[in-house]
Protein backbone atom coordinates (compact mmCIF):
# COMPACT_ATOMS: atom_id res chain seq x y z
CA MET A 1 76.27 123.16 107.17
CA ASN A 2 72.76 122.32 108.37
CA VAL A 3 71.84 119.21 110.32
CA ASN A 4 70.74 116.41 108.03
CA THR A 5 67.16 115.58 109.05
CA ASP A 6 66.79 112.74 106.54
CA LEU A 7 68.68 110.30 108.77
CA ASN A 8 67.70 108.49 111.93
CA ALA A 9 70.52 110.22 113.78
CA ASN A 10 69.75 109.48 117.42
CA CYS A 11 72.67 107.07 117.61
CA LEU A 12 75.94 107.52 115.75
CA ILE A 13 78.37 104.59 115.68
CA ALA A 14 81.95 105.37 114.66
CA SER A 15 84.13 102.29 114.29
CA ASP A 16 87.64 101.62 113.13
CA LEU A 17 87.80 98.94 110.43
CA ASP A 18 91.09 97.03 110.21
CA ARG A 19 91.63 94.65 113.13
CA THR A 20 88.49 96.00 114.78
CA LEU A 21 85.67 94.96 112.46
CA ILE A 22 87.49 93.53 109.42
CA TYR A 23 90.51 91.21 109.37
CA SER A 24 93.21 90.04 107.02
CA ALA A 25 93.92 86.31 106.86
CA ALA A 26 96.99 86.84 109.05
CA ALA A 27 94.92 88.62 111.72
CA LEU A 28 91.94 86.24 111.90
CA HIS A 29 93.34 84.41 114.95
CA LEU A 30 91.09 81.39 114.60
CA THR A 31 91.99 79.18 117.58
CA MET A 32 89.11 76.71 117.50
CA PRO A 33 89.30 73.36 115.66
CA ASP A 34 88.85 73.78 111.91
CA PRO A 35 85.39 72.12 111.79
CA GLU A 36 84.18 74.70 114.33
CA ALA A 37 85.64 77.74 112.57
CA PRO A 38 83.08 80.34 111.48
CA ARG A 39 82.13 80.88 107.85
CA LEU A 40 83.86 83.96 106.51
CA LEU A 41 82.78 86.63 104.05
CA CYS A 42 85.44 88.43 101.99
CA LEU A 43 84.86 92.20 101.93
CA GLU A 44 87.97 93.35 100.09
CA THR A 45 90.22 92.27 97.27
CA HIS A 46 93.48 93.89 96.23
CA LYS A 47 95.38 93.07 93.06
CA HIS A 48 92.87 90.29 92.42
CA LYS A 49 93.54 88.62 95.79
CA PRO A 50 91.18 88.36 98.80
CA LEU A 51 92.36 90.62 101.59
CA SER A 52 89.82 91.33 104.37
CA TYR A 53 87.13 89.26 106.02
CA VAL A 54 84.33 89.23 108.59
CA THR A 55 82.34 86.29 109.87
CA GLU A 56 78.96 85.77 108.23
CA THR A 57 77.33 86.49 111.59
CA ALA A 58 79.23 89.79 111.81
CA ALA A 59 78.07 90.70 108.29
CA GLY A 60 74.45 90.20 109.34
CA LEU A 61 74.91 92.26 112.49
CA LEU A 62 76.57 95.09 110.57
CA THR A 63 73.79 95.11 107.97
CA ALA A 64 71.12 95.46 110.67
CA LEU A 65 73.15 98.05 112.57
CA ALA A 66 73.66 100.23 109.51
CA ARG A 67 69.89 100.28 108.97
CA SER A 68 69.04 101.31 112.52
CA ALA A 69 71.72 103.91 113.31
CA VAL A 70 74.18 106.26 111.67
CA PHE A 71 77.10 103.88 111.08
CA VAL A 72 80.33 105.72 110.23
CA PRO A 73 83.37 103.73 109.09
CA THR A 74 86.26 105.56 110.76
CA THR A 75 89.64 104.56 109.40
CA THR A 76 93.26 105.57 108.97
CA ARG A 77 93.03 104.22 105.42
CA THR A 78 93.25 106.61 102.51
CA ARG A 79 90.12 107.21 100.45
CA GLU A 80 91.45 104.87 97.76
CA GLN A 81 92.13 102.10 100.26
CA TYR A 82 88.73 102.57 101.88
CA GLY A 83 87.09 102.37 98.46
CA ARG A 84 88.26 98.76 98.07
CA ILE A 85 86.05 97.63 100.98
CA ARG A 86 82.50 96.48 100.23
CA LEU A 87 80.74 96.60 103.59
CA PRO A 88 77.52 94.62 103.94
CA GLY A 89 74.26 96.53 104.27
CA PRO A 90 73.37 99.99 102.99
CA ALA A 91 76.19 102.25 101.85
CA PRO A 92 77.19 104.55 104.73
CA LYS A 93 76.06 108.16 104.33
CA TYR A 94 79.26 109.27 106.07
CA ALA A 95 82.77 107.85 106.35
CA ILE A 96 85.97 109.17 107.90
CA CYS A 97 89.28 108.43 106.14
CA ALA A 98 92.94 109.34 106.64
CA ASN A 99 92.52 109.33 110.45
CA GLY A 100 90.08 112.24 110.24
CA GLY A 101 91.67 114.07 107.34
CA HIS A 102 88.74 113.41 105.02
CA LEU A 103 85.07 113.39 105.92
CA LEU A 104 83.18 111.67 103.14
CA VAL A 105 79.55 112.57 102.48
CA ASP A 106 77.93 110.15 100.04
CA GLY A 107 81.43 109.12 99.00
CA VAL A 108 82.75 112.65 98.35
CA SER A 109 85.26 114.45 100.58
CA ASP A 110 83.74 117.52 102.23
CA PRO A 111 85.83 120.56 101.16
CA ASP A 112 85.00 122.63 104.25
CA TRP A 113 86.32 119.91 106.52
CA GLN A 114 89.44 119.51 104.37
CA ARG A 115 90.21 123.22 104.77
CA THR A 116 89.67 123.05 108.54
CA VAL A 117 92.06 120.13 108.90
CA THR A 118 94.84 121.49 106.69
CA THR A 119 94.69 124.90 108.40
CA ARG A 120 95.08 123.38 111.84
CA ILE A 121 97.96 121.15 110.78
CA ALA A 122 99.80 124.04 109.13
CA GLY A 123 99.42 126.16 112.27
CA GLU A 124 100.30 123.55 114.88
CA CYS A 125 102.71 121.02 113.39
CA ALA A 126 106.11 120.69 111.78
CA PRO A 127 105.88 120.16 108.01
CA LEU A 128 105.41 116.69 106.60
CA ASP A 129 108.67 116.99 104.64
CA GLU A 130 110.62 117.54 107.88
CA VAL A 131 109.19 114.37 109.35
CA ARG A 132 109.98 112.39 106.19
CA ARG A 133 113.58 113.64 106.19
CA HIS A 134 113.99 112.50 109.79
CA LEU A 135 112.56 109.07 108.99
CA ARG A 136 114.92 108.64 106.06
CA ALA A 137 117.90 109.70 108.17
CA THR A 138 117.16 107.38 111.09
CA ALA A 139 115.40 104.32 109.62
CA ASP A 140 117.54 101.46 108.32
CA PRO A 141 116.77 100.17 104.80
CA ALA A 142 117.53 96.70 106.17
CA TRP A 143 114.17 96.67 107.95
CA VAL A 144 112.14 99.31 106.08
CA LEU A 145 110.15 97.68 103.29
CA LYS A 146 108.19 100.75 102.13
CA GLU A 147 107.58 104.40 102.91
CA ARG A 148 104.15 105.77 102.09
CA VAL A 149 102.59 109.24 102.31
CA ALA A 150 98.85 109.13 102.86
CA GLU A 151 96.72 111.87 101.30
CA LYS A 152 99.60 114.36 101.74
CA LEU A 153 98.67 114.38 105.44
CA PHE A 154 100.81 111.79 107.23
CA VAL A 155 103.48 109.19 106.61
CA TYR A 156 103.98 105.55 107.52
CA LEU A 157 106.67 102.93 107.16
CA VAL A 158 106.05 99.28 106.40
CA VAL A 159 108.76 97.42 108.32
CA GLU A 160 110.14 93.96 108.92
CA ARG A 161 108.91 93.78 112.51
CA GLY A 162 111.41 91.17 113.65
CA LEU A 163 114.34 93.40 112.61
CA LEU A 164 112.97 96.62 114.12
CA PRO A 165 115.48 97.72 116.82
CA ASP A 166 114.21 97.88 120.39
CA GLY A 167 113.46 101.46 121.39
CA TRP A 168 113.49 102.91 117.86
CA THR A 169 109.76 103.66 117.82
CA GLU A 170 109.98 105.28 121.27
CA GLU A 171 112.87 107.46 120.12
CA LEU A 172 110.87 108.53 117.08
CA ALA A 173 107.89 109.38 119.28
CA ALA A 174 110.07 111.49 121.57
CA TRP A 175 111.45 113.39 118.57
CA ALA A 176 107.97 113.87 117.06
CA GLU A 177 106.15 114.99 120.23
CA PRO A 178 107.47 118.60 120.45
CA ARG A 179 106.94 118.99 116.71
CA GLY A 180 103.22 118.33 116.99
CA TRP A 181 103.25 114.74 115.68
CA THR A 182 102.33 111.42 117.25
CA VAL A 183 103.71 107.95 116.50
CA SER A 184 101.91 104.62 116.48
CA LEU A 185 103.14 101.08 115.76
CA GLN A 186 100.43 98.84 114.29
CA GLY A 187 101.50 95.44 113.10
CA ARG A 188 104.12 96.03 110.41
CA LYS A 189 103.33 99.74 110.06
CA ILE A 190 104.81 102.70 111.93
CA TYR A 191 102.63 105.79 111.58
CA ALA A 192 103.69 109.41 112.08
CA VAL A 193 100.55 111.54 112.25
CA PRO A 194 99.97 115.24 113.03
CA LYS A 195 98.31 115.60 116.44
CA PRO A 196 95.31 117.61 115.17
CA LEU A 197 94.55 114.81 112.69
CA THR A 198 92.20 112.70 114.81
CA LYS A 199 89.17 110.55 114.30
CA SER A 200 87.35 112.13 117.24
CA ALA A 201 87.53 115.62 115.72
CA ALA A 202 85.81 114.40 112.55
CA VAL A 203 83.19 112.50 114.56
CA ARG A 204 82.45 115.61 116.61
CA GLU A 205 81.77 117.43 113.36
CA LEU A 206 79.30 114.70 112.39
CA VAL A 207 77.59 114.98 115.78
CA ARG A 208 77.16 118.68 115.06
CA ARG A 209 75.71 117.97 111.64
CA THR A 210 73.43 115.08 112.55
CA GLY A 211 72.38 116.06 116.06
CA ALA A 212 73.23 112.56 117.33
CA GLU A 213 72.19 112.00 120.94
CA THR A 214 74.43 108.99 121.59
CA VAL A 215 77.88 108.19 120.20
CA LEU A 216 79.28 104.65 120.30
CA ALA A 217 82.75 103.74 119.08
CA ALA A 218 85.22 100.89 118.62
CA GLY A 219 88.93 100.62 117.84
CA ASP A 220 92.12 98.72 118.59
CA SER A 221 95.10 101.10 118.22
CA LEU A 222 96.54 104.19 119.88
CA LEU A 223 95.24 106.19 116.91
CA ASP A 224 91.74 105.16 118.08
CA ALA A 225 92.23 106.15 121.73
CA ASP A 226 90.96 109.72 121.33
CA LEU A 227 87.82 108.41 119.61
CA LEU A 228 87.10 105.85 122.34
CA LEU A 229 87.60 108.45 125.07
CA ALA A 230 85.21 110.90 123.42
CA ALA A 231 82.36 108.40 122.90
CA ASP A 232 79.55 107.73 125.34
CA HIS A 233 80.53 104.06 125.30
CA ALA A 234 83.22 102.26 123.35
CA PHE A 235 84.74 98.84 122.79
CA ARG A 236 88.18 97.48 122.03
CA PRO A 237 89.30 93.90 121.25
CA SER A 238 91.72 91.85 123.34
CA HIS A 239 94.43 92.29 120.73
CA GLY A 240 96.16 95.30 119.21
CA GLU A 241 98.12 98.26 120.45
CA LEU A 242 95.65 99.27 123.17
CA ALA A 243 95.45 95.75 124.58
CA GLU A 244 99.22 95.32 124.50
CA THR A 245 99.71 98.48 126.58
CA GLY A 246 96.86 97.69 128.96
CA TRP A 247 95.07 100.88 127.96
CA THR A 248 91.56 101.37 129.29
CA ALA A 249 89.08 104.05 130.34
CA ALA A 250 85.84 104.20 132.31
CA GLN A 251 83.58 104.16 129.25
CA VAL A 252 85.65 101.59 127.31
CA THR A 253 84.85 97.86 127.45
CA ALA A 254 87.47 95.34 126.39
CA VAL A 255 85.72 92.33 124.86
CA PRO A 256 87.39 89.04 125.82
CA GLN A 257 87.73 87.80 122.23
CA SER A 258 90.59 88.50 119.85
CA GLY A 259 90.87 88.31 116.08
CA VAL A 260 87.82 88.10 113.84
CA MET A 261 85.64 86.80 116.68
CA ALA A 262 86.32 90.06 118.53
CA GLY A 263 84.88 91.95 115.55
CA GLU A 264 81.73 89.85 115.74
CA GLU A 265 81.39 90.40 119.50
CA ILE A 266 81.95 94.15 119.17
CA LEU A 267 79.17 94.36 116.59
CA ARG A 268 76.89 92.31 118.85
CA ARG A 269 77.47 94.71 121.76
CA LEU A 270 77.13 97.82 119.60
CA THR A 271 73.80 96.48 118.35
CA ALA A 272 72.55 95.93 121.91
CA LEU A 273 73.53 99.45 122.99
CA ALA A 274 72.11 101.09 119.86
CA ALA A 275 68.74 99.48 120.59
CA ARG A 276 68.46 101.19 123.97
CA PRO A 277 66.43 104.42 124.34
CA SER A 278 68.44 107.60 123.92
CA PRO A 279 69.68 109.12 127.20
CA THR A 280 68.08 112.25 128.60
CA MET A 281 71.50 113.91 128.89
CA PRO A 282 73.38 115.06 125.77
CA SER A 283 76.17 112.95 124.35
CA ARG A 284 79.68 113.48 125.69
CA MET A 285 80.64 114.57 122.18
CA ALA A 286 77.65 116.88 121.76
CA ALA A 287 78.63 118.67 124.94
CA THR A 288 82.06 119.49 123.52
CA VAL A 289 81.41 120.00 119.81
CA PRO A 290 83.65 122.86 118.64
CA ALA A 291 82.53 125.57 116.28
CA PRO A 292 83.47 124.77 112.68
CA GLY A 293 86.83 126.04 111.51
CA PRO A 294 90.33 126.01 112.99
CA ALA A 295 90.63 125.66 116.73
CA PRO A 296 94.27 126.25 117.66
CA GLY A 297 95.34 124.70 120.90
CA THR A 298 92.46 122.25 121.16
CA ALA A 299 93.91 119.31 119.26
CA ASP A 300 92.50 115.91 120.18
CA THR A 301 95.74 114.16 120.95
CA PRO A 302 95.70 110.33 121.06
CA VAL A 303 96.42 109.01 124.53
CA THR A 304 99.75 107.19 124.75
CA THR A 305 99.54 105.60 128.18
């Protein structure tokens, strides 16, 4: 597919959404006195109830950022779940859903990218049904609240975190590793995801299409680690899976804030970097963009340090 010349594509910003830019009420982590708390804007409702928020300042920053760069929401959410979010500012030209399984162009999943992803998964990973059987055989209904399959690509459990046995997630990860799957615990959800299914692979495809000269990124979980490593500069909050494990990298900045204020600070720093002149050297991602189509053996595996 040809590079889209209609966009100002010098800077591409790929950011995770939940607990990076947008926050549920339980994840807001507002520690200041109530009269000093920021005004909040609700971006998502589900079953007629408010679900996700940003600060009003963050909404303004995101609006300006989306008008000055290629802003790409990059989420593990399914397309349906992503569709519930009403981000401020212009509608993104591109979005990445299902942890890289779907690349949306003007809201429609790109069929070429879908074929690339499903071919790689089929060639490199144990079948989804095998993983689901193992989960059912080893997980205890006493602490499993729900099992969900996302886009026929990966599976996750919603669990009662306080009842989750110590070491169970690590045992699942050890079982999944040789079968080409990775495991991530995020809040009350345990994800099992095929290794080739990564956010960074989808962003590299967008770099190829847009010709972006700089890639910035943000995220909070192990499923975001590959994306942060591949970007020219990236940010993570002081909460979440990456913070809890002490994960870092040379090009990754950990902002000192946590909760919804971290989302605001990340947007502030992304805005400052996006305003800088483009570097004379090509982006880290541009230098490693693969040819379109399956690429066996080159899966972008999330770091689990």
